[in-house]
């Protein structure tokens, strides 16, 4: 039978059969509905993935671990907006390839964090600040570097209950299934000849908080201490010292010493030489060390170098501390 004759007979059957007409209409309707929902879903997903990265130190966050197990890569941590209830907000997490800018959006499960709420001990609730984000390992290229980025969608307290999004970089990276406090592709770790010294231990195991390579200084967090490590590029003053900005911000200003309340943070600025580590040879590096107090919750740290002669900051940086709750 010729193809044209076969098509004609099918058409004639449809024309003559009311049931077939109904079936064809239902099939076509289903196809239209499925296409509609597919397009609508794609548009919703595109809208959901709109973001603009900003600097907002009040979005407190910490990426605590990256785990690869059973072909799944997962990220654990917490995030919340200081001064707002965490249960009013929704967290989303995605990875962005450092080179290609390709994005991988992760599925996120909410995790209750009583420890976070207890540490920051605020009139606001941060119990719902934890997250468990995950995706299949095959969705990323293991041998490429990915930046971890966090969104918090918060419901505005107005008549429309509109939702606004805050997006920040965690300044944490995934490379070869490992978590880094710097981009391992382009960050040059200071070379340390003495593998048994304190400086090697800090750089190998500590959290890189501030990378000021051009200025010749790095700031590390390790064992509840901050380490300012200078290289030969760093410019000390004529006395061989430098004025270091060191401000600890807290949600509990009432726990600060009375003389500090005027600043609204713990004002701990110091001369480098007064806290310089001299118990072993660290050349060509120099190290200044300060303790992190336990008297109050630390929301973030501000540090930098100040030029007393010209009365101006040479550089200044803000950062959150990792593992501050468990230490």
C-alpha atoms as a PDB file:
ATOM      1  CA  UNK A   1       0.000   0.000   0.000  1.00  0.00           C
ATOM      2  CA  UNK A   2       1.287   3.446  -0.926  1.00  0.00           C
ATOM      3  CA  UNK A   3       2.181   5.744   1.989  1.00  0.00           C
ATOM      4  CA  UNK A   4      -0.192   8.450   0.767  1.00  0.00           C
ATOM      5  CA  UNK A   5      -3.070   5.963   0.638  1.00  0.00           C
ATOM      6  CA  UNK A   6      -2.271   4.819   4.177  1.00  0.00           C
ATOM      7  CA  UNK A   7      -2.296   8.401   5.505  1.00  0.00           C
ATOM      8  CA  UNK A   8      -5.552   9.061   3.689  1.00  0.00           C
ATOM      9  CA  UNK A   9      -7.219   6.002   5.279  1.00  0.00           C
ATOM     10  CA  UNK A  10      -6.056   7.074   8.788  1.00  0.00           C
ATOM     11  CA  UNK A  11      -7.458  10.552   8.166  1.00  0.00           C
ATOM     12  CA  UNK A  12     -10.733   9.122   6.965  1.00  0.00           C
ATOM     13  CA  UNK A  13     -10.977   6.915  10.083  1.00  0.00           C
ATOM     14  CA  UNK A  14     -10.448   9.948  12.296  1.00  0.00           C
ATOM     15  CA  UNK A  15     -13.069  11.932  10.338  1.00  0.00           C
ATOM     16  CA  UNK A  16     -15.568   9.101  10.705  1.00  0.00           C
ATOM     17  CA  UNK A  17     -14.845   8.219  14.347  1.00  0.00           C
ATOM     18  CA  UNK A  18     -15.904  10.562  17.148  1.00  0.00           C
ATOM     19  CA  UNK A  19     -13.818   8.587  19.668  1.00  0.00           C
ATOM     20  CA  UNK A  20     -10.675   8.981  17.607  1.00  0.00           C
ATOM     21  CA  UNK A  21     -11.307  12.707  17.376  1.00  0.00           C
ATOM     22  CA  UNK A  22     -11.535  12.895  21.166  1.00  0.00           C
ATOM     23  CA  UNK A  23      -8.336  10.858  21.575  1.00  0.00           C
ATOM     24  CA  UNK A  24      -6.444  13.044  19.097  1.00  0.00           C
ATOM     25  CA  UNK A  25      -7.679  16.187  20.854  1.00  0.00           C
ATOM     26  CA  UNK A  26      -6.627  14.822  24.225  1.00  0.00           C
ATOM     27  CA  UNK A  27      -3.188  13.853  22.937  1.00  0.00           C
ATOM     28  CA  UNK A  28      -2.656  17.252  21.331  1.00  0.00           C
ATOM     29  CA  UNK A  29      -3.916  18.993  24.477  1.00  0.00           C
ATOM     30  CA  UNK A  30      -1.526  16.985  26.626  1.00  0.00           C
ATOM     31  CA  UNK A  31       1.365  17.905  24.364  1.00  0.00           C
ATOM     32  CA  UNK A  32       0.436  21.609  24.556  1.00  0.00           C
ATOM     33  CA  UNK A  33       0.125  21.458  28.359  1.00  0.00           C
ATOM     34  CA  UNK A  34       3.446  19.618  28.710  1.00  0.00           C
ATOM     35  CA  UNK A  35       5.206  22.152  26.476  1.00  0.00           C
ATOM     36  CA  UNK A  36       3.622  24.992  28.461  1.00  0.00           C
ATOM     37  CA  UNK A  37       4.786  23.591  31.788  1.00  0.00           C
ATOM     38  CA  UNK A  38       8.258  22.865  30.389  1.00  0.00           C
ATOM     39  CA  UNK A  39       8.625  26.463  29.169  1.00  0.00           C
ATOM     40  CA  UNK A  40       7.185  27.830  32.404  1.00  0.00           C
ATOM     41  CA  UNK A  41       9.552  25.685  34.457  1.00  0.00           C
ATOM     42  CA  UNK A  42      12.523  26.825  32.402  1.00  0.00           C
ATOM     43  CA  UNK A  43      11.513  30.482  32.887  1.00  0.00           C
ATOM     44  CA  UNK A  44      11.047  29.962  36.638  1.00  0.00           C
ATOM     45  CA  UNK A  45      14.427  28.256  36.891  1.00  0.00           C
ATOM     46  CA  UNK A  46      16.076  31.090  34.961  1.00  0.00           C
ATOM     47  CA  UNK A  47      14.442  33.657  37.232  1.00  0.00           C
ATOM     48  CA  UNK A  48      15.445  31.661  40.322  1.00  0.00           C
ATOM     49  CA  UNK A  49      19.057  31.730  39.174  1.00  0.00           C
ATOM     50  CA  UNK A  50      19.313  35.476  38.759  1.00  0.00           C
ATOM     51  CA  UNK A  51      21.810  37.060  41.146  1.00  0.00           C
ATOM     52  CA  UNK A  52      24.253  39.895  41.667  1.00  0.00           C
ATOM     53  CA  UNK A  53      27.240  39.313  43.918  1.00  0.00           C
ATOM     54  CA  UNK A  54      27.757  42.080  46.466  1.00  0.00           C
ATOM     55  CA  UNK A  55      29.913  42.623  49.532  1.00  0.00           C
ATOM     56  CA  UNK A  56      27.771  42.336  52.642  1.00  0.00           C
ATOM     57  CA  UNK A  57      29.678  41.524  55.806  1.00  0.00           C
ATOM     58  CA  UNK A  58      26.371  41.194  57.671  1.00  0.00           C
ATOM     59  CA  UNK A  59      25.579  38.018  55.735  1.00  0.00           C
ATOM     60  CA  UNK A  60      27.547  35.809  58.077  1.00  0.00           C
ATOM     61  CA  UNK A  61      28.538  32.481  56.569  1.00  0.00           C
ATOM     62  CA  UNK A  62      30.923  29.602  56.962  1.00  0.00           C
ATOM     63  CA  UNK A  63      31.652  26.640  54.689  1.00  0.00           C
ATOM     64  CA  UNK A  64      32.712  23.979  57.156  1.00  0.00           C
ATOM     65  CA  UNK A  65      33.315  20.907  55.017  1.00  0.00           C
ATOM     66  CA  UNK A  66      33.244  19.398  51.539  1.00  0.00           C
ATOM     67  CA  UNK A  67      32.617  15.640  51.340  1.00  0.00           C
ATOM     68  CA  UNK A  68      32.648  13.284  48.347  1.00  0.00           C
ATOM     69  CA  UNK A  69      30.833  10.007  48.915  1.00  0.00           C
ATOM     70  CA  UNK A  70      28.904   7.631  46.631  1.00  0.00           C
ATOM     71  CA  UNK A  71      29.405   9.902  43.597  1.00  0.00           C
ATOM     72  CA  UNK A  72      27.832  12.822  45.488  1.00  0.00           C
ATOM     73  CA  UNK A  73      29.712  15.981  46.468  1.00  0.00           C
ATOM     74  CA  UNK A  74      28.218  17.793  49.444  1.00  0.00           C
ATOM     75  CA  UNK A  75      28.901  21.087  51.205  1.00  0.00           C
ATOM     76  CA  UNK A  76      28.049  21.735  54.843  1.00  0.00           C
ATOM     77  CA  UNK A  77      27.895  25.082  56.572  1.00  0.00           C
ATOM     78  CA  UNK A  78      25.700  27.893  57.778  1.00  0.00           C
ATOM     79  CA  UNK A  79      24.580  31.326  56.612  1.00  0.00           C
ATOM     80  CA  UNK A  80      22.336  34.010  58.046  1.00  0.00           C
ATOM     81  CA  UNK A  81      21.789  37.744  57.980  1.00  0.00           C
ATOM     82  CA  UNK A  82      22.837  39.365  61.220  1.00  0.00           C
ATOM     83  CA  UNK A  83      19.872  40.993  62.910  1.00  0.00           C
ATOM     84  CA  UNK A  84      17.225  38.918  61.122  1.00  0.00           C
ATOM     85  CA  UNK A  85      15.507  35.658  61.978  1.00  0.00           C
ATOM     86  CA  UNK A  86      16.944  32.814  59.917  1.00  0.00           C
ATOM     87  CA  UNK A  87      13.554  31.109  59.620  1.00  0.00           C
ATOM     88  CA  UNK A  88      12.331  34.017  57.472  1.00  0.00           C
ATOM     89  CA  UNK A  89      15.026  33.339  54.879  1.00  0.00           C
ATOM     90  CA  UNK A  90      15.884  30.641  52.332  1.00  0.00           C
ATOM     91  CA  UNK A  91      19.439  29.588  51.461  1.00  0.00           C
ATOM     92  CA  UNK A  92      20.608  28.463  48.023  1.00  0.00           C
ATOM     93  CA  UNK A  93      24.132  27.483  46.986  1.00  0.00           C
ATOM     94  CA  UNK A  94      25.903  27.205  43.656  1.00  0.00           C
ATOM     95  CA  UNK A  95      29.383  26.621  42.309  1.00  0.00           C
ATOM     96  CA  UNK A  96      30.926  28.856  39.657  1.00  0.00           C
ATOM     97  CA  UNK A  97      33.834  27.659  37.570  1.00  0.00           C
ATOM     98  CA  UNK A  98      36.662  30.154  38.061  1.00  0.00           C
ATOM     99  CA  UNK A  99      37.780  29.957  34.418  1.00  0.00           C
ATOM    100  CA  UNK A 100      34.623  29.307  32.368  1.00  0.00           C
ATOM    101  CA  UNK A 101      32.098  30.944  34.777  1.00  0.00           C
ATOM    102  CA  UNK A 102      29.856  27.922  34.252  1.00  0.00           C
ATOM    103  CA  UNK A 103      27.408  27.524  37.139  1.00  0.00           C
ATOM    104  CA  UNK A 104      26.360  24.358  38.937  1.00  0.00           C
ATOM    105  CA  UNK A 105      23.362  24.873  41.221  1.00  0.00           C
ATOM    106  CA  UNK A 106      23.118  22.494  44.141  1.00  0.00           C
ATOM    107  CA  UNK A 107      20.134  20.993  45.881  1.00  0.00           C
ATOM    108  CA  UNK A 108      19.897  22.373  49.410  1.00  0.00           C
ATOM    109  CA  UNK A 109      18.463  20.925  52.595  1.00  0.00           C
ATOM    110  CA  UNK A 110      17.878  23.066  55.658  1.00  0.00           C
ATOM    111  CA  UNK A 111      19.772  22.017  58.783  1.00  0.00           C
ATOM    112  CA  UNK A 112      19.013  23.189  62.304  1.00  0.00           C
ATOM    113  CA  UNK A 113      22.071  24.689  63.997  1.00  0.00           C
ATOM    114  CA  UNK A 114      21.550  25.101  67.704  1.00  0.00           C
ATOM    115  CA  UNK A 115      25.295  25.664  68.095  1.00  0.00           C
ATOM    116  CA  UNK A 116      25.215  28.676  65.777  1.00  0.00           C
ATOM    117  CA  UNK A 117      22.235  30.135  67.602  1.00  0.00           C
ATOM    118  CA  UNK A 118      23.899  29.574  70.988  1.00  0.00           C
ATOM    119  CA  UNK A 119      27.225  31.100  69.953  1.00  0.00           C
ATOM    120  CA  UNK A 120      25.792  34.325  68.544  1.00  0.00           C
ATOM    121  CA  UNK A 121      23.176  34.318  71.345  1.00  0.00           C
ATOM    122  CA  UNK A 122      20.951  37.015  69.868  1.00  0.00           C
ATOM    123  CA  UNK A 123      17.360  38.148  70.279  1.00  0.00           C
ATOM    124  CA  UNK A 124      17.016  36.759  66.749  1.00  0.00           C
ATOM    125  CA  UNK A 125      16.852  33.050  65.968  1.00  0.00           C
ATOM    126  CA  UNK A 126      19.661  31.544  63.883  1.00  0.00           C
ATOM    127  CA  UNK A 127      18.648  27.924  64.412  1.00  0.00           C
ATOM    128  CA  UNK A 128      17.505  27.561  60.778  1.00  0.00           C
ATOM    129  CA  UNK A 129      20.846  28.841  59.435  1.00  0.00           C
ATOM    130  CA  UNK A 130      22.436  25.497  58.565  1.00  0.00           C
ATOM    131  CA  UNK A 131      22.583  24.010  55.088  1.00  0.00           C
ATOM    132  CA  UNK A 132      23.513  20.748  53.405  1.00  0.00           C
ATOM    133  CA  UNK A 133      24.082  21.364  49.680  1.00  0.00           C
ATOM    134  CA  UNK A 134      24.818  18.562  47.250  1.00  0.00           C
ATOM    135  CA  UNK A 135      25.012  17.471  43.619  1.00  0.00           C
ATOM    136  CA  UNK A 136      26.402  14.610  41.546  1.00  0.00           C
ATOM    137  CA  UNK A 137      30.173  14.639  41.154  1.00  0.00           C
ATOM    138  CA  UNK A 138      29.824  14.205  37.374  1.00  0.00           C
ATOM    139  CA  UNK A 139      28.291  17.683  37.115  1.00  0.00           C
ATOM    140  CA  UNK A 140      31.639  19.314  37.861  1.00  0.00           C
ATOM    141  CA  UNK A 141      35.140  18.930  36.498  1.00  0.00           C
ATOM    142  CA  UNK A 142      37.134  17.718  39.486  1.00  0.00           C
ATOM    143  CA  UNK A 143      40.431  19.085  38.180  1.00  0.00           C
ATOM    144  CA  UNK A 144      39.036  22.619  37.805  1.00  0.00           C
ATOM    145  CA  UNK A 145      38.514  25.248  40.489  1.00  0.00           C
ATOM    146  CA  UNK A 146      35.013  26.292  41.596  1.00  0.00           C
ATOM    147  CA  UNK A 147      34.035  29.232  43.764  1.00  0.00           C
ATOM    148  CA  UNK A 148      31.304  28.575  46.355  1.00  0.00           C
ATOM    149  CA  UNK A 149      28.575  31.229  46.268  1.00  0.00           C
ATOM    150  CA  UNK A 150      25.615  31.634  48.633  1.00  0.00           C
ATOM    151  CA  UNK A 151      22.229  33.299  48.131  1.00  0.00           C
ATOM    152  CA  UNK A 152      19.821  34.227  50.880  1.00  0.00           C
ATOM    153  CA  UNK A 153      16.270  35.017  49.794  1.00  0.00           C
ATOM    154  CA  UNK A 154      14.508  37.031  52.443  1.00  0.00           C
ATOM    155  CA  UNK A 155      10.862  37.981  52.730  1.00  0.00           C
ATOM    156  CA  UNK A 156      10.485  41.734  53.039  1.00  0.00           C
ATOM    157  CA  UNK A 157       8.121  42.805  55.790  1.00  0.00           C
ATOM    158  CA  UNK A 158       5.665  44.734  53.662  1.00  0.00           C
ATOM    159  CA  UNK A 159       2.106  44.283  52.444  1.00  0.00           C
ATOM    160  CA  UNK A 160       3.229  42.325  49.360  1.00  0.00           C
ATOM    161  CA  UNK A 161       5.691  40.014  51.181  1.00  0.00           C
ATOM    162  CA  UNK A 162       8.119  40.541  48.316  1.00  0.00           C
ATOM    163  CA  UNK A 163      11.308  38.490  48.244  1.00  0.00           C
ATOM    164  CA  UNK A 164      14.744  40.050  47.845  1.00  0.00           C
ATOM    165  CA  UNK A 165      18.007  38.208  47.270  1.00  0.00           C
ATOM    166  CA  UNK A 166      21.446  38.808  48.728  1.00  0.00           C
ATOM    167  CA  UNK A 167      24.324  36.989  47.030  1.00  0.00           C
ATOM    168  CA  UNK A 168      27.860  36.807  48.372  1.00  0.00           C
ATOM    169  CA  UNK A 169      30.965  34.830  47.639  1.00  0.00           C
ATOM    170  CA  UNK A 170      32.142  32.688  50.517  1.00  0.00           C
ATOM    171  CA  UNK A 171      35.741  33.165  49.352  1.00  0.00           C
ATOM    172  CA  UNK A 172      35.963  29.388  49.503  1.00  0.00           C
ATOM    173  CA  UNK A 173      36.859  27.112  46.601  1.00  0.00           C
ATOM    174  CA  UNK A 174      36.569  23.470  45.613  1.00  0.00           C
ATOM    175  CA  UNK A 175      39.416  21.844  43.691  1.00  0.00           C
ATOM    176  CA  UNK A 176      40.067  18.101  43.371  1.00  0.00           C
ATOM    177  CA  UNK A 177      37.208  17.555  45.820  1.00  0.00           C
ATOM    178  CA  UNK A 178      39.048  19.548  48.498  1.00  0.00           C
ATOM    179  CA  UNK A 179      37.986  22.762  50.236  1.00  0.00           C
ATOM    180  CA  UNK A 180      40.324  25.769  49.937  1.00  0.00           C
ATOM    181  CA  UNK A 181      40.331  29.226  51.524  1.00  0.00           C
ATOM    182  CA  UNK A 182      41.888  30.571  48.329  1.00  0.00           C
ATOM    183  CA  UNK A 183      41.746  29.853  44.620  1.00  0.00           C
ATOM    184  CA  UNK A 184      44.424  27.146  44.330  1.00  0.00           C
ATOM    185  CA  UNK A 185      44.893  27.783  40.619  1.00  0.00           C
ATOM    186  CA  UNK A 186      46.350  31.282  40.902  1.00  0.00           C
ATOM    187  CA  UNK A 187      47.310  31.720  44.574  1.00  0.00           C
ATOM    188  CA  UNK A 188      51.012  31.285  45.270  1.00  0.00           C
ATOM    189  CA  UNK A 189      51.489  29.827  48.732  1.00  0.00           C
ATOM    190  CA  UNK A 190      54.542  31.389  50.423  1.00  0.00           C
ATOM    191  CA  UNK A 191      57.455  28.977  50.251  1.00  0.00           C
ATOM    192  CA  UNK A 192      58.660  27.897  53.682  1.00  0.00           C
ATOM    193  CA  UNK A 193      62.007  26.142  53.935  1.00  0.00           C
ATOM    194  CA  UNK A 194      61.611  25.027  57.555  1.00  0.00           C
ATOM    195  CA  UNK A 195      58.857  22.386  57.483  1.00  0.00           C
ATOM    196  CA  UNK A 196      58.926  22.064  61.277  1.00  0.00           C
ATOM    197  CA  UNK A 197      58.479  25.733  62.146  1.00  0.00           C
ATOM    198  CA  UNK A 198      55.357  27.564  63.322  1.00  0.00           C
ATOM    199  CA  UNK A 199      54.986  29.561  60.114  1.00  0.00           C
ATOM    200  CA  UNK A 200      54.802  26.383  58.016  1.00  0.00           C
ATOM    201  CA  UNK A 201      52.217  24.904  60.397  1.00  0.00           C
ATOM    202  CA  UNK A 202      50.050  28.020  60.154  1.00  0.00           C
ATOM    203  CA  UNK A 203      50.169  28.275  56.360  1.00  0.00           C
ATOM    204  CA  UNK A 204      49.633  24.534  55.873  1.00  0.00           C
ATOM    205  CA  UNK A 205      46.725  24.176  58.305  1.00  0.00           C
ATOM    206  CA  UNK A 206      45.289  27.627  58.950  1.00  0.00           C
ATOM    207  CA  UNK A 207      42.505  29.638  57.320  1.00  0.00           C
ATOM    208  CA  UNK A 208      43.743  32.278  54.895  1.00  0.00           C
ATOM    209  CA  UNK A 209      41.614  35.263  55.898  1.00  0.00           C
ATOM    210  CA  UNK A 210      43.155  38.064  53.872  1.00  0.00           C
ATOM    211  CA  UNK A 211      45.451  37.815  50.860  1.00  0.00           C
ATOM    212  CA  UNK A 212      47.310  41.066  50.245  1.00  0.00           C
ATOM    213  CA  UNK A 213      50.040  39.678  48.021  1.00  0.00           C
ATOM    214  CA  UNK A 214      50.744  43.016  46.337  1.00  0.00           C
ATOM    215  CA  UNK A 215      51.292  44.629  49.741  1.00  0.00           C
ATOM    216  CA  UNK A 216      53.388  41.697  50.937  1.00  0.00           C
ATOM    217  CA  UNK A 217      51.186  40.501  53.788  1.00  0.00           C
ATOM    218  CA  UNK A 218      48.825  37.603  54.538  1.00  0.00           C
ATOM    219  CA  UNK A 219      46.484  37.148  57.489  1.00  0.00           C
ATOM    220  CA  UNK A 220      45.776  33.630  58.795  1.00  0.00           C
ATOM    221  CA  UNK A 221      43.439  32.230  61.447  1.00  0.00           C
ATOM    222  CA  UNK A 222      44.811  29.223  63.302  1.00  0.00           C
ATOM    223  CA  UNK A 223      44.052  27.729  66.713  1.00  0.00           C
ATOM    224  CA  UNK A 224      42.098  30.781  67.808  1.00  0.00           C
ATOM    225  CA  UNK A 225      44.880  33.195  66.952  1.00  0.00           C
ATOM    226  CA  UNK A 226      45.391  35.593  64.061  1.00  0.00           C
ATOM    227  CA  UNK A 227      48.752  35.675  62.299  1.00  0.00           C
ATOM    228  CA  UNK A 228      49.943  38.620  60.207  1.00  0.00           C
ATOM    229  CA  UNK A 229      52.696  37.205  57.971  1.00  0.00           C
ATOM    230  CA  UNK A 230      54.789  39.660  55.963  1.00  0.00           C
ATOM    231  CA  UNK A 231      57.042  38.979  52.990  1.00  0.00           C
ATOM    232  CA  UNK A 232      60.065  40.903  51.738  1.00  0.00           C
ATOM    233  CA  UNK A 233      57.677  43.065  49.703  1.00  0.00           C
ATOM    234  CA  UNK A 234      56.037  44.544  52.815  1.00  0.00           C
ATOM    235  CA  UNK A 235      57.088  48.126  53.615  1.00  0.00           C
ATOM    236  CA  UNK A 236      57.805  48.634  57.295  1.00  0.00           C
ATOM    237  CA  UNK A 237      58.283  52.154  58.643  1.00  0.00           C
ATOM    238  CA  UNK A 238      61.626  53.671  59.537  1.00  0.00           C
ATOM    239  CA  UNK A 239      61.445  52.011  62.958  1.00  0.00           C
ATOM    240  CA  UNK A 240      60.984  48.595  61.372  1.00  0.00           C
ATOM    241  CA  UNK A 241      57.382  48.352  62.489  1.00  0.00           C
ATOM    242  CA  UNK A 242      53.869  48.969  61.121  1.00  0.00           C
ATOM    243  CA  UNK A 243      50.555  50.079  62.599  1.00  0.00           C
ATOM    244  CA  UNK A 244      48.079  47.208  62.240  1.00  0.00           C
ATOM    245  CA  UNK A 245      44.330  47.816  62.254  1.00  0.00           C
ATOM    246  CA  UNK A 246      42.623  45.124  64.311  1.00  0.00           C
ATOM    247  CA  UNK A 247      38.893  45.504  65.042  1.00  0.00           C
ATOM    248  CA  UNK A 248      36.670  42.693  66.294  1.00  0.00           C
ATOM    249  CA  UNK A 249      32.979  43.262  65.654  1.00  0.00           C
ATOM    250  CA  UNK A 250      30.393  41.581  67.841  1.00  0.00           C
ATOM    251  CA  UNK A 251      26.650  41.383  68.275  1.00  0.00           C
ATOM    252  CA  UNK A 252      27.195  41.749  72.040  1.00  0.00           C
ATOM    253  CA  UNK A 253      28.648  45.213  72.489  1.00  0.00           C
ATOM    254  CA  UNK A 254      27.581  45.090  76.127  1.00  0.00           C
ATOM    255  CA  UNK A 255      30.407  42.617  76.729  1.00  0.00           C
ATOM    256  CA  UNK A 256      33.089  45.010  75.529  1.00  0.00           C
ATOM    257  CA  UNK A 257      35.173  46.948  78.010  1.00  0.00           C
ATOM    258  CA  UNK A 258      33.657  50.307  78.850  1.00  0.00           C
ATOM    259  CA  UNK A 259      36.336  52.252  76.979  1.00  0.00           C
ATOM    260  CA  UNK A 260      35.606  50.233  73.814  1.00  0.00           C
ATOM    261  CA  UNK A 261      31.873  50.927  73.631  1.00  0.00           C
ATOM    262  CA  UNK A 262      32.522  54.276  71.932  1.00  0.00           C
ATOM    263  CA  UNK A 263      33.842  52.386  68.880  1.00  0.00           C
ATOM    264  CA  UNK A 264      30.992  49.805  68.812  1.00  0.00           C
ATOM    265  CA  UNK A 265      33.651  47.109  68.354  1.00  0.00           C
ATOM    266  CA  UNK A 266      36.723  45.832  70.161  1.00  0.00           C
ATOM    267  CA  UNK A 267      39.484  48.268  69.194  1.00  0.00           C
ATOM    268  CA  UNK A 268      42.722  46.263  69.305  1.00  0.00           C
ATOM    269  CA  UNK A 269      45.057  48.134  66.911  1.00  0.00           C
ATOM    270  CA  UNK A 270      48.753  47.538  67.576  1.00  0.00           C
ATOM    271  CA  UNK A 271      52.325  48.079  66.461  1.00  0.00           C
ATOM    272  CA  UNK A 272      53.658  45.045  64.615  1.00  0.00           C
ATOM    273  CA  UNK A 273      56.861  44.775  66.679  1.00  0.00           C
ATOM    274  CA  UNK A 274      54.938  44.680  69.975  1.00  0.00           C
ATOM    275  CA  UNK A 275      53.414  41.321  69.020  1.00  0.00           C
ATOM    276  CA  UNK A 276      56.129  39.980  66.739  1.00  0.00           C
ATOM    277  CA  UNK A 277      57.014  36.306  67.006  1.00  0.00           C
ATOM    278  CA  UNK A 278      60.746  35.993  67.730  1.00  0.00           C
ATOM    279  CA  UNK A 279      61.034  32.528  69.300  1.00  0.00           C
ATOM    280  CA  UNK A 280      62.437  31.084  66.090  1.00  0.00           C
ATOM    281  CA  UNK A 281      63.959  32.326  62.851  1.00  0.00           C
ATOM    282  CA  UNK A 282      61.273  33.027  60.243  1.00  0.00           C
ATOM    283  CA  UNK A 283      63.307  35.024  57.684  1.00  0.00           C
ATOM    284  CA  UNK A 284      62.550  36.219  55.077  1.00  0.00           C
ATOM    285  CA  UNK A 285      59.128  36.419  56.734  1.00  0.00           C
ATOM    286  CA  UNK A 286      58.041  38.243  59.872  1.00  0.00           C
ATOM    287  CA  UNK A 287      55.013  37.294  61.972  1.00  0.00           C
ATOM    288  CA  UNK A 288      52.818  39.159  64.450  1.00  0.00           C
ATOM    289  CA  UNK A 289      50.352  37.127  66.539  1.00  0.00           C
ATOM    290  CA  UNK A 290      47.188  38.151  68.411  1.00  0.00           C
ATOM    291  CA  UNK A 291      44.748  36.034  70.367  1.00  0.00           C
ATOM    292  CA  UNK A 292      41.054  35.859  69.516  1.00  0.00           C
ATOM    293  CA  UNK A 293      39.087  36.514  72.733  1.00  0.00           C
ATOM    294  CA  UNK A 294      36.385  34.217  74.103  1.00  0.00           C
ATOM    295  CA  UNK A 295      34.484  36.958  75.922  1.00  0.00           C
ATOM    296  CA  UNK A 296      31.956  37.620  73.147  1.00  0.00           C
ATOM    297  CA  UNK A 297      30.779  36.235  69.783  1.00  0.00           C
ATOM    298  CA  UNK A 298      32.830  37.579  66.872  1.00  0.00           C
ATOM    299  CA  UNK A 299      30.691  38.444  63.858  1.00  0.00           C
ATOM    300  CA  UNK A 300      33.579  39.622  61.699  1.00  0.00           C
ATOM    301  CA  UNK A 301      37.111  41.012  61.745  1.00  0.00           C
ATOM    302  CA  UNK A 302      38.425  44.203  60.182  1.00  0.00           C
ATOM    303  CA  UNK A 303      42.162  44.497  59.669  1.00  0.00           C
ATOM    304  CA  UNK A 304      44.637  46.447  57.581  1.00  0.00           C
ATOM    305  CA  UNK A 305      47.687  48.668  57.714  1.00  0.00           C
ATOM    306  CA  UNK A 306      47.502  52.350  58.631  1.00  0.00           C
ATOM    307  CA  UNK A 307      49.998  55.043  57.632  1.00  0.00           C
ATOM    308  CA  UNK A 308      50.318  57.227  60.723  1.00  0.00           C
ATOM    309  CA  UNK A 309      52.443  59.825  58.936  1.00  0.00           C
ATOM    310  CA  UNK A 310      49.963  60.501  56.137  1.00  0.00           C
ATOM    311  CA  UNK A 311      46.945  59.621  58.295  1.00  0.00           C
ATOM    312  CA  UNK A 312      45.447  57.146  55.836  1.00  0.00           C
ATOM    313  CA  UNK A 313      44.792  53.438  55.397  1.00  0.00           C
ATOM    314  CA  UNK A 314      47.178  51.629  53.067  1.00  0.00           C
ATOM    315  CA  UNK A 315      44.763  48.719  52.809  1.00  0.00           C
ATOM    316  CA  UNK A 316      41.827  47.407  54.807  1.00  0.00           C
ATOM    317  CA  UNK A 317      39.835  44.165  54.678  1.00  0.00           C
ATOM    318  CA  UNK A 318      36.843  42.511  56.410  1.00  0.00           C
ATOM    319  CA  UNK A 319      36.364  38.776  56.850  1.00  0.00           C
ATOM    320  CA  UNK A 320      34.478  36.101  58.780  1.00  0.00           C
ATOM    321  CA  UNK A 321      36.242  33.434  60.799  1.00  0.00           C
ATOM    322  CA  UNK A 322      35.976  29.712  60.072  1.00  0.00           C
ATOM    323  CA  UNK A 323      35.512  27.212  62.893  1.00  0.00           C
ATOM    324  CA  UNK A 324      34.904  30.022  65.357  1.00  0.00           C
ATOM    325  CA  UNK A 325      32.001  28.110  66.920  1.00  0.00           C
ATOM    326  CA  UNK A 326      33.809  24.799  67.412  1.00  0.00           C
ATOM    327  CA  UNK A 327      36.997  26.344  68.806  1.00  0.00           C
END
